[in-house]
């Protein structure tokens, strides 16, 4: 979850960009 915090802090930048998929994939692997 630590890696997700900085990305979410940026706001719409990570939501609109392709990084969004990386965040979800990263979370699924950890969970």
PDB file of N, CA and C in Angstrom:
ATOM      1  N   UNK A   1       0.844  -1.205   0.000  1.00  0.00           N
ATOM      2  CA  UNK A   1       0.000   0.000   0.000  1.00  0.00           C
ATOM      3  C   UNK A   1       0.878   1.254   0.000  1.00  0.00           C
ATOM      4  N   UNK A   2       2.099   1.144   0.506  1.00  0.00           N
ATOM      5  CA  UNK A   2       3.000   2.303   0.570  1.00  0.00           C
ATOM      6  C   UNK A   2       3.238   2.880  -0.829  1.00  0.00           C
ATOM      7  N   UNK A   3       3.349   1.989  -1.821  1.00  0.00           N
ATOM      8  CA  UNK A   3       3.624   2.442  -3.186  1.00  0.00           C
ATOM      9  C   UNK A   3       2.413   3.159  -3.783  1.00  0.00           C
ATOM     10  N   UNK A   4       1.213   2.807  -3.309  1.00  0.00           N
ATOM     11  CA  UNK A   4      -0.016   3.412  -3.841  1.00  0.00           C
ATOM     12  C   UNK A   4      -0.216   4.827  -3.312  1.00  0.00           C
ATOM     13  N   UNK A   5       0.228   5.091  -2.109  1.00  0.00           N
ATOM     14  CA  UNK A   5       0.031   6.410  -1.494  1.00  0.00           C
ATOM     15  C   UNK A   5       0.578   7.568  -2.346  1.00  0.00           C
ATOM     16  N   UNK A   6       1.858   7.534  -2.740  1.00  0.00           N
ATOM     17  CA  UNK A   6       2.420   8.645  -3.522  1.00  0.00           C
ATOM     18  C   UNK A   6       1.691   8.853  -4.850  1.00  0.00           C
ATOM     19  N   UNK A   7       1.243   7.765  -5.473  1.00  0.00           N
ATOM     20  CA  UNK A   7       0.549   7.872  -6.751  1.00  0.00           C
ATOM     21  C   UNK A   7      -0.802   8.553  -6.550  1.00  0.00           C
ATOM     22  N   UNK A   8      -1.514   8.171  -5.505  1.00  0.00           N
ATOM     23  CA  UNK A   8      -2.832   8.747  -5.243  1.00  0.00           C
ATOM     24  C   UNK A   8      -2.696  10.208  -4.822  1.00  0.00           C
ATOM     25  N   UNK A   9      -1.597  10.544  -4.186  1.00  0.00           N
ATOM     26  CA  UNK A   9      -1.369  11.908  -3.718  1.00  0.00           C
ATOM     27  C   UNK A   9      -1.333  12.890  -4.887  1.00  0.00           C
ATOM     28  N   UNK A  10      -0.905  12.423  -6.059  1.00  0.00           N
ATOM     29  CA  UNK A  10      -0.826  13.284  -7.241  1.00  0.00           C
ATOM     30  C   UNK A  10      -2.221  13.695  -7.716  1.00  0.00           C
ATOM     31  N   UNK A  11      -3.230  12.875  -7.424  1.00  0.00           N
ATOM     32  CA  UNK A  11      -4.595  13.230  -7.807  1.00  0.00           C
ATOM     33  C   UNK A  11      -4.999  12.662  -9.152  1.00  0.00           C
ATOM     34  N   UNK A  12      -5.496  13.520 -10.036  1.00  0.00           N
ATOM     35  CA  UNK A  12      -5.984  13.058 -11.343  1.00  0.00           C
ATOM     36  C   UNK A  12      -4.859  12.524 -12.220  1.00  0.00           C
ATOM     37  N   UNK A  13      -3.619  12.882 -11.922  1.00  0.00           N
ATOM     38  CA  UNK A  13      -2.488  12.447 -12.752  1.00  0.00           C
ATOM     39  C   UNK A  13      -2.456  10.927 -12.877  1.00  0.00           C
ATOM     40  N   UNK A  14      -2.618  10.219 -11.753  1.00  0.00           N
ATOM     41  CA  UNK A  14      -2.524   8.753 -11.800  1.00  0.00           C
ATOM     42  C   UNK A  14      -3.863   8.146 -12.213  1.00  0.00           C
ATOM     43  N   UNK A  15      -4.951   8.839 -11.958  1.00  0.00           N
ATOM     44  CA  UNK A  15      -6.267   8.294 -12.319  1.00  0.00           C
ATOM     45  C   UNK A  15      -6.458   8.281 -13.836  1.00  0.00           C
ATOM     46  N   UNK A  16      -5.994   9.334 -14.511  1.00  0.00           N
ATOM     47  CA  UNK A  16      -6.197   9.443 -15.957  1.00  0.00           C
ATOM     48  C   UNK A  16      -5.123   8.702 -16.745  1.00  0.00           C
ATOM     49  N   UNK A  17      -3.918   8.652 -16.204  1.00  0.00           N
ATOM     50  CA  UNK A  17      -2.815   8.041 -16.963  1.00  0.00           C
ATOM     51  C   UNK A  17      -2.841   6.518 -16.881  1.00  0.00           C
ATOM     52  N   UNK A  18      -1.988   5.864 -17.662  1.00  0.00           N
ATOM     53  CA  UNK A  18      -1.936   4.397 -17.699  1.00  0.00           C
ATOM     54  C   UNK A  18      -1.452   3.825 -16.370  1.00  0.00           C
ATOM     55  N   UNK A  19      -0.833   4.655 -15.543  1.00  0.00           N
ATOM     56  CA  UNK A  19      -0.318   4.183 -14.252  1.00  0.00           C
ATOM     57  C   UNK A  19      -1.449   3.588 -13.420  1.00  0.00           C
ATOM     58  N   UNK A  20      -2.682   3.993 -13.737  1.00  0.00           N
ATOM     59  CA  UNK A  20      -3.834   3.488 -12.990  1.00  0.00           C
ATOM     60  C   UNK A  20      -3.856   1.964 -13.005  1.00  0.00           C
ATOM     61  N   UNK A  21      -3.618   1.362 -14.167  1.00  0.00           N
ATOM     62  CA  UNK A  21      -3.636  -0.101 -14.263  1.00  0.00           C
ATOM     63  C   UNK A  21      -2.528  -0.695 -13.408  1.00  0.00           C
ATOM     64  N   UNK A  22      -1.365  -0.066 -13.404  1.00  0.00           N
ATOM     65  CA  UNK A  22      -0.236  -0.577 -12.621  1.00  0.00           C
ATOM     66  C   UNK A  22      -0.585  -0.577 -11.135  1.00  0.00           C
ATOM     67  N   UNK A  23      -1.273   0.462 -10.692  1.00  0.00           N
ATOM     68  CA  UNK A  23      -1.648   0.559  -9.277  1.00  0.00           C
ATOM     69  C   UNK A  23      -2.574  -0.588  -8.896  1.00  0.00           C
ATOM     70  N   UNK A  24      -3.607  -0.827  -9.721  1.00  0.00           N
ATOM     71  CA  UNK A  24      -4.556  -1.902  -9.412  1.00  0.00           C
ATOM     72  C   UNK A  24      -3.864  -3.257  -9.432  1.00  0.00           C
ATOM     73  N   UNK A  25      -2.994  -3.482 -10.436  1.00  0.00           N
ATOM     74  CA  UNK A  25      -2.282  -4.753 -10.532  1.00  0.00           C
ATOM     75  C   UNK A  25      -1.388  -4.933  -9.312  1.00  0.00           C
ATOM     76  N   UNK A  26      -0.720  -3.855  -8.891  1.00  0.00           N
ATOM     77  CA  UNK A  26       0.189  -3.924  -7.754  1.00  0.00           C
ATOM     78  C   UNK A  26      -0.582  -4.272  -6.479  1.00  0.00           C
ATOM     79  N   UNK A  27      -1.748  -3.677  -6.333  1.00  0.00           N
ATOM     80  CA  UNK A  27      -2.569  -3.929  -5.142  1.00  0.00           C
ATOM     81  C   UNK A  27      -3.067  -5.372  -5.138  1.00  0.00           C
ATOM     82  N   UNK A  28      -3.502  -5.866  -6.292  1.00  0.00           N
ATOM     83  CA  UNK A  28      -4.018  -7.237  -6.367  1.00  0.00           C
ATOM     84  C   UNK A  28      -2.937  -8.243  -5.994  1.00  0.00           C
ATOM     85  N   UNK A  29      -1.703  -8.000  -6.440  1.00  0.00           N
ATOM     86  CA  UNK A  29      -0.599  -8.919  -6.134  1.00  0.00           C
ATOM     87  C   UNK A  29      -0.329  -8.935  -4.625  1.00  0.00           C
ATOM     88  N   UNK A  30      -0.333  -7.750  -4.005  1.00  0.00           N
ATOM     89  CA  UNK A  30      -0.066  -7.673  -2.570  1.00  0.00           C
ATOM     90  C   UNK A  30      -1.209  -8.283  -1.772  1.00  0.00           C
ATOM     91  N   UNK A  31      -2.427  -8.072  -2.237  1.00  0.00           N
ATOM     92  CA  UNK A  31      -3.577  -8.603  -1.514  1.00  0.00           C
ATOM     93  C   UNK A  31      -3.756 -10.074  -1.860  1.00  0.00           C
TER      94      UNK A  31
END
